[in-house]
Amino acid sequence: MPIISRSLYPGPPKHYINGHFETIIPSLFRKIEGIHYSREKIDTPDGDFLNLDWSKVGSQKLLIISHGLEGGADRHYAKALAKLFNASGWDVLAWNNRSCNGEINLRPILYHHGASYDLHTTVNHALDQNTYWEIYLTGISMGGAQTLKYLGESGKDLSPVIKGAAVYSTPCNLLSSAETLKKRSNRFYKERFLGKLKKKIVAKAHQFPGIFDLDLLEKTNDFDVFDTHFTAKLHGFKDARDFYLSVSADNWMKEIQIPTLIINAINDPLLGPACYPERLALNHPHLYLEMPLRGGHTGFTLKGQEFSWVEKRVIEFLSQF
């Protein structure tokens, strides 16, 4: 589909002076009230579990939300989407990646950008309810990458009940995104993510003594080392580069068979050049690419409004199908 060349995002409040402000302020301070999930724990095919958080209004339409790195269903962006879609008469299911949102998982793995197998389990569980005539997918940041990978892997075998998808702030190319964390200007994000992930590794090491070198973990201060010695080791990849290249969503995006919107802001500090798949979108019958000049990473704040522009854009897009 043609690239959406003129985005209608009017921009953030004036004191959000750059992409970092647009990213950090909502992440630290935004609160969404009025969403009270009902949690369901389901088994995975490999003997682990997933926590699913439901917000139902009795609809036959369902939105499935996939969260970002070290996030969960309790993040502001997930709750905002749940509140917005509930108000429009949709049920919502926000699933939590393994070890996210309060409970360490059982297996000697965690989760990662390519963990589309757990989204597959979640979608199949929703389909098995035999309640929904229409299911739509959305993903934020890492969750967007998982969503795109899942859709591409499924290809023509995707259930006809799944009608459309919209993702935003999505690292379509994981290597390109990972490179941004080496910038001095992105030190805040690197340290925040690494700090949280290192705690998960310590918890996993307590479950499985001897699986990790915790002395090396303590010294690790960049993602190349972390992903080589911990992420890759846990999940069966050679090293960080092999992991990034192997799971990157753009390996599968050309096979997507349903209308899918990708919204990535030009000033997103966590997306590299290859995360804007213009050439693919120009020649793909189902991909729509929208690139607002502003928005930061998962920001897109609107002055004085509860919901962000991108959240309103997601429901506008998905409501067409």
C-alpha atoms as a PDB file:
ATOM      1  CA  MET A   1       0.000   0.000   0.000  1.00  0.00           C
ATOM      2  CA  PRO A   2       1.197   3.563  -0.502  1.00  0.00           C
ATOM      3  CA  ILE A   3       3.071   5.101   2.403  1.00  0.00           C
ATOM      4  CA  ILE A   4       0.897   7.490   4.396  1.00  0.00           C
ATOM      5  CA  SER A   5       2.998  10.519   3.566  1.00  0.00           C
ATOM      6  CA  ARG A   6       1.149  13.127   5.618  1.00  0.00           C
ATOM      7  CA  SER A   7       0.499  12.133   9.199  1.00  0.00           C
ATOM      8  CA  LEU A   8      -2.126  14.133  11.076  1.00  0.00           C
ATOM      9  CA  TYR A   9      -0.366  14.058  14.445  1.00  0.00           C
ATOM     10  CA  PRO A  10      -0.273  17.748  15.457  1.00  0.00           C
ATOM     11  CA  GLY A  11       2.681  17.294  17.791  1.00  0.00           C
ATOM     12  CA  PRO A  12       3.164  17.227  21.565  1.00  0.00           C
ATOM     13  CA  PRO A  13       2.846  20.028  24.139  1.00  0.00           C
ATOM     14  CA  LYS A  14       5.475  22.758  23.722  1.00  0.00           C
ATOM     15  CA  HIS A  15       7.591  21.681  26.693  1.00  0.00           C
ATOM     16  CA  TYR A  16       8.195  18.296  25.060  1.00  0.00           C
ATOM     17  CA  ILE A  17      11.151  19.784  23.242  1.00  0.00           C
ATOM     18  CA  ASN A  18      12.534  16.639  21.563  1.00  0.00           C
ATOM     19  CA  GLY A  19      12.064  12.907  21.107  1.00  0.00           C
ATOM     20  CA  HIS A  20      13.579  12.113  24.510  1.00  0.00           C
ATOM     21  CA  PHE A  21      11.096  14.341  26.348  1.00  0.00           C
ATOM     22  CA  GLU A  22       8.276  12.850  24.243  1.00  0.00           C
ATOM     23  CA  THR A  23       9.403   9.355  25.270  1.00  0.00           C
ATOM     24  CA  ILE A  24      10.375   9.755  28.913  1.00  0.00           C
ATOM     25  CA  ILE A  25       7.657  12.022  30.317  1.00  0.00           C
ATOM     26  CA  PRO A  26       4.708   9.724  29.455  1.00  0.00           C
ATOM     27  CA  SER A  27       6.694   6.648  30.472  1.00  0.00           C
ATOM     28  CA  LEU A  28       7.423   7.997  33.951  1.00  0.00           C
ATOM     29  CA  PHE A  29       4.378  10.083  34.763  1.00  0.00           C
ATOM     30  CA  ARG A  30       1.335   9.082  32.707  1.00  0.00           C
ATOM     31  CA  LYS A  31      -1.460   7.388  34.666  1.00  0.00           C
ATOM     32  CA  ILE A  32      -4.604   5.725  33.330  1.00  0.00           C
ATOM     33  CA  GLU A  33      -7.441   5.130  35.771  1.00  0.00           C
ATOM     34  CA  GLY A  34     -10.539   2.960  35.503  1.00  0.00           C
ATOM     35  CA  ILE A  35      -9.190  -0.297  34.073  1.00  0.00           C
ATOM     36  CA  HIS A  36      -9.495  -3.341  36.324  1.00  0.00           C
ATOM     37  CA  TYR A  37      -8.292  -6.497  34.631  1.00  0.00           C
ATOM     38  CA  SER A  38      -9.420 -10.039  35.276  1.00  0.00           C
ATOM     39  CA  ARG A  39      -6.351 -12.304  35.186  1.00  0.00           C
ATOM     40  CA  GLU A  40      -6.259 -15.770  33.655  1.00  0.00           C
ATOM     41  CA  LYS A  41      -3.256 -18.091  33.764  1.00  0.00           C
ATOM     42  CA  ILE A  42      -2.886 -20.473  30.829  1.00  0.00           C
ATOM     43  CA  ASP A  43      -0.400 -23.249  30.077  1.00  0.00           C
ATOM     44  CA  THR A  44       2.069 -23.085  27.210  1.00  0.00           C
ATOM     45  CA  PRO A  45       2.893 -26.109  25.015  1.00  0.00           C
ATOM     46  CA  ASP A  46       6.391 -26.354  26.556  1.00  0.00           C
ATOM     47  CA  GLY A  47       5.208 -26.621  30.156  1.00  0.00           C
ATOM     48  CA  ASP A  48       5.321 -22.981  31.173  1.00  0.00           C
ATOM     49  CA  PHE A  49       2.532 -20.454  31.674  1.00  0.00           C
ATOM     50  CA  LEU A  50       1.312 -17.053  30.505  1.00  0.00           C
ATOM     51  CA  ASN A  51      -0.686 -14.488  32.448  1.00  0.00           C
ATOM     52  CA  LEU A  52      -3.508 -12.953  30.413  1.00  0.00           C
ATOM     53  CA  ASP A  53      -5.292  -9.816  31.583  1.00  0.00           C
ATOM     54  CA  TRP A  54      -8.851  -9.389  30.297  1.00  0.00           C
ATOM     55  CA  SER A  55     -11.062  -6.295  30.234  1.00  0.00           C
ATOM     56  CA  LYS A  56     -14.438  -7.386  28.913  1.00  0.00           C
ATOM     57  CA  VAL A  57     -17.609  -5.490  28.052  1.00  0.00           C
ATOM     58  CA  GLY A  58     -19.497  -8.409  26.487  1.00  0.00           C
ATOM     59  CA  SER A  59     -18.420  -7.821  22.889  1.00  0.00           C
ATOM     60  CA  GLN A  60     -17.924 -10.154  19.947  1.00  0.00           C
ATOM     61  CA  LYS A  61     -14.930  -8.041  18.886  1.00  0.00           C
ATOM     62  CA  LEU A  62     -11.598  -8.485  20.656  1.00  0.00           C
ATOM     63  CA  LEU A  63      -8.378  -6.474  20.696  1.00  0.00           C
ATOM     64  CA  ILE A  64      -5.216  -8.362  21.722  1.00  0.00           C
ATOM     65  CA  ILE A  65      -2.429  -6.114  23.054  1.00  0.00           C
ATOM     66  CA  SER A  66       1.263  -7.085  23.062  1.00  0.00           C
ATOM     67  CA  HIS A  67       3.403  -4.921  25.380  1.00  0.00           C
ATOM     68  CA  GLY A  68       6.927  -3.566  25.093  1.00  0.00           C
ATOM     69  CA  LEU A  69      10.289  -4.607  26.562  1.00  0.00           C
ATOM     70  CA  GLU A  70      10.064  -5.028  30.341  1.00  0.00           C
ATOM     71  CA  GLY A  71       6.476  -3.835  30.222  1.00  0.00           C
ATOM     72  CA  GLY A  72       3.207  -5.600  30.843  1.00  0.00           C
ATOM     73  CA  ALA A  73      -0.540  -5.175  30.793  1.00  0.00           C
ATOM     74  CA  ASP A  74      -0.254  -2.611  33.588  1.00  0.00           C
ATOM     75  CA  ARG A  75       1.734  -0.118  31.486  1.00  0.00           C
ATOM     76  CA  HIS A  76      -0.009   3.148  30.685  1.00  0.00           C
ATOM     77  CA  TYR A  77      -0.170   2.451  26.965  1.00  0.00           C
ATOM     78  CA  ALA A  78      -1.865  -0.934  27.474  1.00  0.00           C
ATOM     79  CA  LYS A  79      -4.384   0.434  29.956  1.00  0.00           C
ATOM     80  CA  ALA A  80      -5.124   3.402  27.703  1.00  0.00           C
ATOM     81  CA  LEU A  81      -5.834   1.145  24.738  1.00  0.00           C
ATOM     82  CA  ALA A  82      -7.989  -1.080  26.926  1.00  0.00           C
ATOM     83  CA  LYS A  83      -9.974   1.898  28.199  1.00  0.00           C
ATOM     84  CA  LEU A  84     -10.395   3.427  24.740  1.00  0.00           C
ATOM     85  CA  PHE A  85     -11.460   0.189  23.063  1.00  0.00           C
ATOM     86  CA  ASN A  86     -13.753  -0.825  25.948  1.00  0.00           C
ATOM     87  CA  ALA A  87     -15.508   2.544  25.610  1.00  0.00           C
ATOM     88  CA  SER A  88     -16.061   1.765  21.939  1.00  0.00           C
ATOM     89  CA  GLY A  89     -17.621  -1.617  22.731  1.00  0.00           C
ATOM     90  CA  TRP A  90     -14.644  -3.955  22.270  1.00  0.00           C
ATOM     91  CA  ASP A  91     -13.332  -6.621  24.645  1.00  0.00           C
ATOM     92  CA  VAL A  92      -9.594  -6.404  25.332  1.00  0.00           C
ATOM     93  CA  LEU A  93      -6.966  -9.021  26.143  1.00  0.00           C
ATOM     94  CA  ALA A  94      -3.548  -7.741  27.223  1.00  0.00           C
ATOM     95  CA  TRP A  95      -1.148 -10.675  27.543  1.00  0.00           C
ATOM     96  CA  ASN A  96       2.074 -10.645  29.543  1.00  0.00           C
ATOM     97  CA  ASN A  97       5.301 -12.087  28.202  1.00  0.00           C
ATOM     98  CA  ARG A  98       6.972 -14.731  30.356  1.00  0.00           C
ATOM     99  CA  SER A  99       8.360 -13.227  33.587  1.00  0.00           C
ATOM    100  CA  CYS A 100       6.628  -9.902  32.961  1.00  0.00           C
ATOM    101  CA  ASN A 101       4.175  -8.174  35.246  1.00  0.00           C
ATOM    102  CA  GLY A 102       4.775  -9.812  38.548  1.00  0.00           C
ATOM    103  CA  GLU A 103       5.582 -13.507  38.275  1.00  0.00           C
ATOM    104  CA  ILE A 104       8.724 -15.325  37.165  1.00  0.00           C
ATOM    105  CA  ASN A 105       8.093 -18.105  34.671  1.00  0.00           C
ATOM    106  CA  LEU A 106       8.990 -21.781  35.108  1.00  0.00           C
ATOM    107  CA  ARG A 107      11.223 -22.693  32.176  1.00  0.00           C
ATOM    108  CA  PRO A 108      14.926 -21.758  31.803  1.00  0.00           C
ATOM    109  CA  ILE A 109      14.016 -19.090  29.228  1.00  0.00           C
ATOM    110  CA  LEU A 110      12.524 -15.610  29.509  1.00  0.00           C
ATOM    111  CA  TYR A 111      11.121 -13.734  26.510  1.00  0.00           C
ATOM    112  CA  HIS A 112      12.434 -11.641  23.619  1.00  0.00           C
ATOM    113  CA  HIS A 113      11.445  -9.664  20.527  1.00  0.00           C
ATOM    114  CA  GLY A 114      10.990 -12.826  18.503  1.00  0.00           C
ATOM    115  CA  ALA A 115       8.814 -14.692  21.018  1.00  0.00           C
ATOM    116  CA  SER A 116       5.881 -14.869  18.627  1.00  0.00           C
ATOM    117  CA  TYR A 117       5.213 -18.434  19.795  1.00  0.00           C
ATOM    118  CA  ASP A 118       3.681 -17.057  22.997  1.00  0.00           C
ATOM    119  CA  LEU A 119       1.512 -14.640  21.027  1.00  0.00           C
ATOM    120  CA  HIS A 120       0.478 -17.659  18.957  1.00  0.00           C
ATOM    121  CA  THR A 121      -0.569 -19.461  22.152  1.00  0.00           C
ATOM    122  CA  THR A 122      -2.490 -16.393  23.306  1.00  0.00           C
ATOM    123  CA  VAL A 123      -4.320 -15.938  20.006  1.00  0.00           C
ATOM    124  CA  ASN A 124      -5.247 -19.621  19.863  1.00  0.00           C
ATOM    125  CA  HIS A 125      -6.626 -19.401  23.395  1.00  0.00           C
ATOM    126  CA  ALA A 126      -8.774 -16.436  22.385  1.00  0.00           C
ATOM    127  CA  LEU A 127      -9.992 -18.278  19.300  1.00  0.00           C
ATOM    128  CA  ASP A 128     -10.868 -21.312  21.415  1.00  0.00           C
ATOM    129  CA  GLN A 129     -13.338 -19.212  23.407  1.00  0.00           C
ATOM    130  CA  ASN A 130     -15.676 -19.356  20.375  1.00  0.00           C
ATOM    131  CA  THR A 131     -16.938 -15.961  21.515  1.00  0.00           C
ATOM    132  CA  TYR A 132     -15.360 -13.586  19.039  1.00  0.00           C
ATOM    133  CA  TRP A 133     -16.364 -13.030  15.439  1.00  0.00           C
ATOM    134  CA  GLU A 134     -13.558 -10.535  14.894  1.00  0.00           C
ATOM    135  CA  ILE A 135     -10.094 -10.344  16.494  1.00  0.00           C
ATOM    136  CA  TYR A 136      -7.584  -7.527  15.983  1.00  0.00           C
ATOM    137  CA  LEU A 137      -3.962  -7.288  17.096  1.00  0.00           C
ATOM    138  CA  THR A 138      -1.919  -4.368  18.308  1.00  0.00           C
ATOM    139  CA  GLY A 139       1.619  -4.196  19.645  1.00  0.00           C
ATOM    140  CA  ILE A 140       3.779  -1.514  21.192  1.00  0.00           C
ATOM    141  CA  SER A 141       7.542  -1.436  20.630  1.00  0.00           C
ATOM    142  CA  MET A 142       8.766  -5.033  21.199  1.00  0.00           C
ATOM    143  CA  GLY A 143       5.128  -6.179  21.155  1.00  0.00           C
ATOM    144  CA  GLY A 144       4.787  -4.658  17.707  1.00  0.00           C
ATOM    145  CA  ALA A 145       7.751  -6.710  16.498  1.00  0.00           C
ATOM    146  CA  GLN A 146       6.235  -9.868  17.974  1.00  0.00           C
ATOM    147  CA  THR A 147       2.943  -9.058  16.262  1.00  0.00           C
ATOM    148  CA  LEU A 148       4.500  -8.459  12.840  1.00  0.00           C
ATOM    149  CA  LYS A 149       6.559 -11.645  13.124  1.00  0.00           C
ATOM    150  CA  TYR A 150       3.491 -13.664  14.142  1.00  0.00           C
ATOM    151  CA  LEU A 151       1.445 -12.329  11.237  1.00  0.00           C
ATOM    152  CA  GLY A 152       4.219 -13.030   8.737  1.00  0.00           C
ATOM    153  CA  GLU A 153       4.875 -16.528  10.070  1.00  0.00           C
ATOM    154  CA  SER A 154       1.165 -17.332   9.893  1.00  0.00           C
ATOM    155  CA  GLY A 155       0.809 -15.928   6.387  1.00  0.00           C
ATOM    156  CA  LYS A 156      -2.114 -17.450   4.523  1.00  0.00           C
ATOM    157  CA  ASP A 157      -2.744 -19.871   7.413  1.00  0.00           C
ATOM    158  CA  LEU A 158      -3.835 -17.024   9.702  1.00  0.00           C
ATOM    159  CA  SER A 159      -7.328 -17.530  11.114  1.00  0.00           C
ATOM    160  CA  PRO A 160      -9.958 -15.612   9.099  1.00  0.00           C
ATOM    161  CA  VAL A 161     -11.304 -14.330  12.417  1.00  0.00           C
ATOM    162  CA  ILE A 162      -8.216 -12.081  12.662  1.00  0.00           C
ATOM    163  CA  LYS A 163      -9.134  -9.053  10.576  1.00  0.00           C
ATOM    164  CA  GLY A 164      -6.416  -6.433  11.040  1.00  0.00           C
ATOM    165  CA  ALA A 165      -3.433  -5.190  13.036  1.00  0.00           C
ATOM    166  CA  ALA A 166      -1.779  -1.941  14.035  1.00  0.00           C
ATOM    167  CA  VAL A 167       1.599  -1.520  15.733  1.00  0.00           C
ATOM    168  CA  TYR A 168       3.644   1.475  16.742  1.00  0.00           C
ATOM    169  CA  SER A 169       7.129   2.480  17.880  1.00  0.00           C
ATOM    170  CA  THR A 170       8.155  -0.892  16.481  1.00  0.00           C
ATOM    171  CA  PRO A 171      11.727  -2.120  15.871  1.00  0.00           C
ATOM    172  CA  CYS A 172      10.976  -3.770  12.537  1.00  0.00           C
ATOM    173  CA  ASN A 173      14.711  -4.458  12.231  1.00  0.00           C
ATOM    174  CA  LEU A 174      16.089  -5.513  15.598  1.00  0.00           C
ATOM    175  CA  LEU A 175      19.765  -5.017  14.747  1.00  0.00           C
ATOM    176  CA  SER A 176      19.108  -1.452  13.636  1.00  0.00           C
ATOM    177  CA  SER A 177      17.199  -0.742  16.843  1.00  0.00           C
ATOM    178  CA  ALA A 178      19.845  -2.353  19.041  1.00  0.00           C
ATOM    179  CA  GLU A 179      22.496  -0.082  17.525  1.00  0.00           C
ATOM    180  CA  THR A 180      20.670   2.984  18.855  1.00  0.00           C
ATOM    181  CA  LEU A 181      21.344   1.881  22.444  1.00  0.00           C
ATOM    182  CA  LYS A 182      25.056   2.467  21.851  1.00  0.00           C
ATOM    183  CA  LYS A 183      24.497   6.211  21.484  1.00  0.00           C
ATOM    184  CA  ARG A 184      25.499   8.364  24.462  1.00  0.00           C
ATOM    185  CA  SER A 185      22.168  10.175  24.177  1.00  0.00           C
ATOM    186  CA  ASN A 186      20.353   6.876  24.793  1.00  0.00           C
ATOM    187  CA  ARG A 187      22.241   5.952  27.952  1.00  0.00           C
ATOM    188  CA  PHE A 188      19.107   6.441  30.079  1.00  0.00           C
ATOM    189  CA  TYR A 189      17.178   3.792  28.130  1.00  0.00           C
ATOM    190  CA  LYS A 190      20.087   1.358  28.056  1.00  0.00           C
ATOM    191  CA  GLU A 191      20.636   1.526  31.798  1.00  0.00           C
ATOM    192  CA  ARG A 192      16.930   1.319  32.592  1.00  0.00           C
ATOM    193  CA  PHE A 193      16.329  -1.737  30.415  1.00  0.00           C
ATOM    194  CA  LEU A 194      19.552  -3.480  31.472  1.00  0.00           C
ATOM    195  CA  GLY A 195      18.854  -2.891  35.141  1.00  0.00           C
ATOM    196  CA  LYS A 196      15.452  -4.551  34.907  1.00  0.00           C
ATOM    197  CA  LEU A 197      16.632  -7.423  32.721  1.00  0.00           C
ATOM    198  CA  LYS A 198      19.612  -8.186  34.957  1.00  0.00           C
ATOM    199  CA  LYS A 199      17.227  -8.657  37.891  1.00  0.00           C
ATOM    200  CA  LYS A 200      15.334 -11.219  35.787  1.00  0.00           C
ATOM    201  CA  ILE A 201      18.572 -13.062  35.047  1.00  0.00           C
ATOM    202  CA  VAL A 202      19.419 -13.198  38.762  1.00  0.00           C
ATOM    203  CA  ALA A 203      15.948 -14.611  39.482  1.00  0.00           C
ATOM    204  CA  LYS A 204      16.406 -17.193  36.736  1.00  0.00           C
ATOM    205  CA  ALA A 205      19.827 -18.116  38.126  1.00  0.00           C
ATOM    206  CA  HIS A 206      18.232 -18.807  41.504  1.00  0.00           C
ATOM    207  CA  GLN A 207      15.750 -21.133  39.792  1.00  0.00           C
ATOM    208  CA  PHE A 208      18.494 -22.910  37.849  1.00  0.00           C
ATOM    209  CA  PRO A 209      21.788 -22.717  39.798  1.00  0.00           C
ATOM    210  CA  GLY A 210      24.897 -22.657  37.645  1.00  0.00           C
ATOM    211  CA  ILE A 211      23.122 -21.621  34.448  1.00  0.00           C
ATOM    212  CA  PHE A 212      24.789 -18.171  34.385  1.00  0.00           C
ATOM    213  CA  ASP A 213      28.015 -16.438  35.304  1.00  0.00           C
ATOM    214  CA  LEU A 214      26.628 -13.870  37.755  1.00  0.00           C
ATOM    215  CA  ASP A 215      30.044 -12.206  38.135  1.00  0.00           C
ATOM    216  CA  LEU A 216      29.968 -11.449  34.415  1.00  0.00           C
ATOM    217  CA  LEU A 217      26.386 -10.240  34.731  1.00  0.00           C
ATOM    218  CA  GLU A 218      27.381  -7.744  37.411  1.00  0.00           C
ATOM    219  CA  LYS A 219      30.096  -6.313  35.133  1.00  0.00           C
ATOM    220  CA  THR A 220      27.882  -6.177  32.041  1.00  0.00           C
ATOM    221  CA  ASN A 221      26.956  -2.668  30.972  1.00  0.00           C
ATOM    222  CA  ASP A 222      26.016  -2.961  27.313  1.00  0.00           C
ATOM    223  CA  PHE A 223      23.495  -4.952  25.301  1.00  0.00           C
ATOM    224  CA  ASP A 224      25.978  -6.689  22.991  1.00  0.00           C
ATOM    225  CA  VAL A 225      27.505  -8.442  25.994  1.00  0.00           C
ATOM    226  CA  PHE A 226      24.173  -9.008  27.722  1.00  0.00           C
ATOM    227  CA  ASP A 227      22.472 -10.434  24.650  1.00  0.00           C
ATOM    228  CA  THR A 228      25.467 -12.614  23.747  1.00  0.00           C
ATOM    229  CA  HIS A 229      26.011 -14.183  27.170  1.00  0.00           C
ATOM    230  CA  PHE A 230      22.474 -14.182  28.516  1.00  0.00           C
ATOM    231  CA  THR A 231      19.670 -13.660  25.962  1.00  0.00           C
ATOM    232  CA  ALA A 232      21.342 -15.699  23.213  1.00  0.00           C
ATOM    233  CA  LYS A 233      22.544 -18.383  25.606  1.00  0.00           C
ATOM    234  CA  LEU A 234      19.062 -18.823  27.095  1.00  0.00           C
ATOM    235  CA  HIS A 235      17.279 -19.028  23.772  1.00  0.00           C
ATOM    236  CA  GLY A 236      19.656 -21.001  21.584  1.00  0.00           C
ATOM    237  CA  PHE A 237      21.418 -18.347  19.498  1.00  0.00           C
ATOM    238  CA  LYS A 238      25.147 -18.053  18.801  1.00  0.00           C
ATOM    239  CA  ASP A 239      25.611 -14.483  20.010  1.00  0.00           C
ATOM    240  CA  ALA A 240      23.902 -11.085  20.063  1.00  0.00           C
ATOM    241  CA  ARG A 241      24.221 -10.494  16.324  1.00  0.00           C
ATOM    242  CA  ASP A 242      22.860 -13.955  15.489  1.00  0.00           C
ATOM    243  CA  PHE A 243      19.952 -13.292  17.850  1.00  0.00           C
ATOM    244  CA  TYR A 244      19.141  -9.889  16.322  1.00  0.00           C
ATOM    245  CA  LEU A 245      19.306 -11.156  12.751  1.00  0.00           C
ATOM    246  CA  SER A 246      17.426 -14.386  13.437  1.00  0.00           C
ATOM    247  CA  VAL A 247      14.364 -12.964  15.204  1.00  0.00           C
ATOM    248  CA  SER A 248      13.998  -9.615  13.431  1.00  0.00           C
ATOM    249  CA  ALA A 249      10.407  -9.071  12.309  1.00  0.00           C
ATOM    250  CA  ASP A 250      11.379  -7.890   8.825  1.00  0.00           C
ATOM    251  CA  ASN A 251      12.402 -11.455   7.974  1.00  0.00           C
ATOM    252  CA  TRP A 252       8.685 -12.283   7.824  1.00  0.00           C
ATOM    253  CA  MET A 253       6.818  -9.037   7.152  1.00  0.00           C
ATOM    254  CA  LYS A 254       6.515  -9.575   3.406  1.00  0.00           C
ATOM    255  CA  GLU A 255       4.233 -12.567   4.113  1.00  0.00           C
ATOM    256  CA  ILE A 256       1.608 -10.572   6.049  1.00  0.00           C
ATOM    257  CA  GLN A 257      -1.862 -11.151   4.593  1.00  0.00           C
ATOM    258  CA  ILE A 258      -4.151  -8.753   6.511  1.00  0.00           C
ATOM    259  CA  PRO A 259      -4.332  -4.941   6.683  1.00  0.00           C
ATOM    260  CA  THR A 260      -1.533  -3.871   9.007  1.00  0.00           C
ATOM    261  CA  LEU A 261      -0.537  -0.346  10.032  1.00  0.00           C
ATOM    262  CA  ILE A 262       2.967   0.503  11.275  1.00  0.00           C
ATOM    263  CA  ILE A 263       3.359   3.896  12.966  1.00  0.00           C
ATOM    264  CA  ASN A 264       6.965   4.886  13.702  1.00  0.00           C
ATOM    265  CA  ALA A 265       7.877   8.474  14.538  1.00  0.00           C
ATOM    266  CA  ILE A 266      10.842   9.934  12.683  1.00  0.00           C
ATOM    267  CA  ASN A 267      12.248  11.299  15.958  1.00  0.00           C
ATOM    268  CA  ASP A 268      11.962   7.991  17.837  1.00  0.00           C
ATOM    269  CA  PRO A 269      15.299   7.693  19.695  1.00  0.00           C
ATOM    270  CA  LEU A 270      15.119   3.868  19.793  1.00  0.00           C
ATOM    271  CA  LEU A 271      14.564   3.142  16.102  1.00  0.00           C
ATOM    272  CA  GLY A 272      17.362   2.981  13.547  1.00  0.00           C
ATOM    273  CA  PRO A 273      17.009   3.630   9.784  1.00  0.00           C
ATOM    274  CA  ALA A 274      16.058   0.031   8.922  1.00  0.00           C
ATOM    275  CA  CYS A 275      13.039   0.256  11.252  1.00  0.00           C
ATOM    276  CA  TYR A 276      11.198   2.331   8.647  1.00  0.00           C
ATOM    277  CA  PRO A 277      10.381  -0.259   5.934  1.00  0.00           C
ATOM    278  CA  GLU A 278       9.477   2.191   3.170  1.00  0.00           C
ATOM    279  CA  ARG A 279      10.463   0.014   0.214  1.00  0.00           C
ATOM    280  CA  LEU A 280       8.475  -2.948   1.519  1.00  0.00           C
ATOM    281  CA  ALA A 281       5.400  -0.836   2.291  1.00  0.00           C
ATOM    282  CA  LEU A 282       5.435   0.761  -1.165  1.00  0.00           C
ATOM    283  CA  ASN A 283       5.067  -2.618  -2.835  1.00  0.00           C
ATOM    284  CA  HIS A 284       3.037  -4.549  -0.259  1.00  0.00           C
ATOM    285  CA  PRO A 285      -0.741  -4.927  -0.689  1.00  0.00           C
ATOM    286  CA  HIS A 286      -1.461  -5.067   3.055  1.00  0.00           C
ATOM    287  CA  LEU A 287       1.152  -2.917   4.829  1.00  0.00           C
ATOM    288  CA  TYR A 288       0.544   0.722   5.671  1.00  0.00           C
ATOM    289  CA  LEU A 289       3.488   2.777   6.958  1.00  0.00           C
ATOM    290  CA  GLU A 290       2.894   6.086   8.742  1.00  0.00           C
ATOM    291  CA  MET A 291       5.879   8.164   9.885  1.00  0.00           C
ATOM    292  CA  PRO A 292       4.948  11.266  11.912  1.00  0.00           C
ATOM    293  CA  LEU A 293       7.799  13.724  12.373  1.00  0.00           C
ATOM    294  CA  ARG A 294       7.194  13.803  16.141  1.00  0.00           C
ATOM    295  CA  GLY A 295       6.039  11.313  18.751  1.00  0.00           C
ATOM    296  CA  GLY A 296       9.175   9.865  20.310  1.00  0.00           C
ATOM    297  CA  HIS A 297       9.006   6.243  21.426  1.00  0.00           C
ATOM    298  CA  THR A 298       5.491   5.239  22.505  1.00  0.00           C
ATOM    299  CA  GLY A 299       4.696   8.906  23.176  1.00  0.00           C
ATOM    300  CA  PHE A 300       2.458  10.851  20.751  1.00  0.00           C
ATOM    301  CA  THR A 301       0.998  12.917  23.590  1.00  0.00           C
ATOM    302  CA  LEU A 302      -1.910  15.291  22.932  1.00  0.00           C
ATOM    303  CA  LYS A 303      -2.102  18.358  25.162  1.00  0.00           C
ATOM    304  CA  GLY A 304      -4.859  18.109  27.740  1.00  0.00           C
ATOM    305  CA  GLN A 305      -6.208  14.759  26.505  1.00  0.00           C
ATOM    306  CA  GLU A 306      -6.361  11.403  28.240  1.00  0.00           C
ATOM    307  CA  PHE A 307      -5.577   9.350  25.147  1.00  0.00           C
ATOM    308  CA  SER A 308      -2.588   9.818  22.892  1.00  0.00           C
ATOM    309  CA  TRP A 309      -2.850  10.498  19.189  1.00  0.00           C
ATOM    310  CA  VAL A 310      -1.473   7.066  18.306  1.00  0.00           C
ATOM    311  CA  GLU A 311      -4.061   5.282  20.449  1.00  0.00           C
ATOM    312  CA  LYS A 312      -6.831   7.149  18.642  1.00  0.00           C
ATOM    313  CA  ARG A 313      -5.145   6.374  15.321  1.00  0.00           C
ATOM    314  CA  VAL A 314      -5.042   2.646  16.137  1.00  0.00           C
ATOM    315  CA  ILE A 315      -8.772   2.426  16.831  1.00  0.00           C
ATOM    316  CA  GLU A 316      -9.540   4.563  13.779  1.00  0.00           C
ATOM    317  CA  PHE A 317      -7.538   2.219  11.551  1.00  0.00           C
ATOM    318  CA  LEU A 318      -8.800  -1.062  12.991  1.00  0.00           C
ATOM    319  CA  SER A 319     -12.435   0.058  12.959  1.00  0.00           C
ATOM    320  CA  GLN A 320     -12.364   0.075   9.151  1.00  0.00           C
ATOM    321  CA  PHE A 321     -12.171  -3.703   8.828  1.00  0.00           C
END
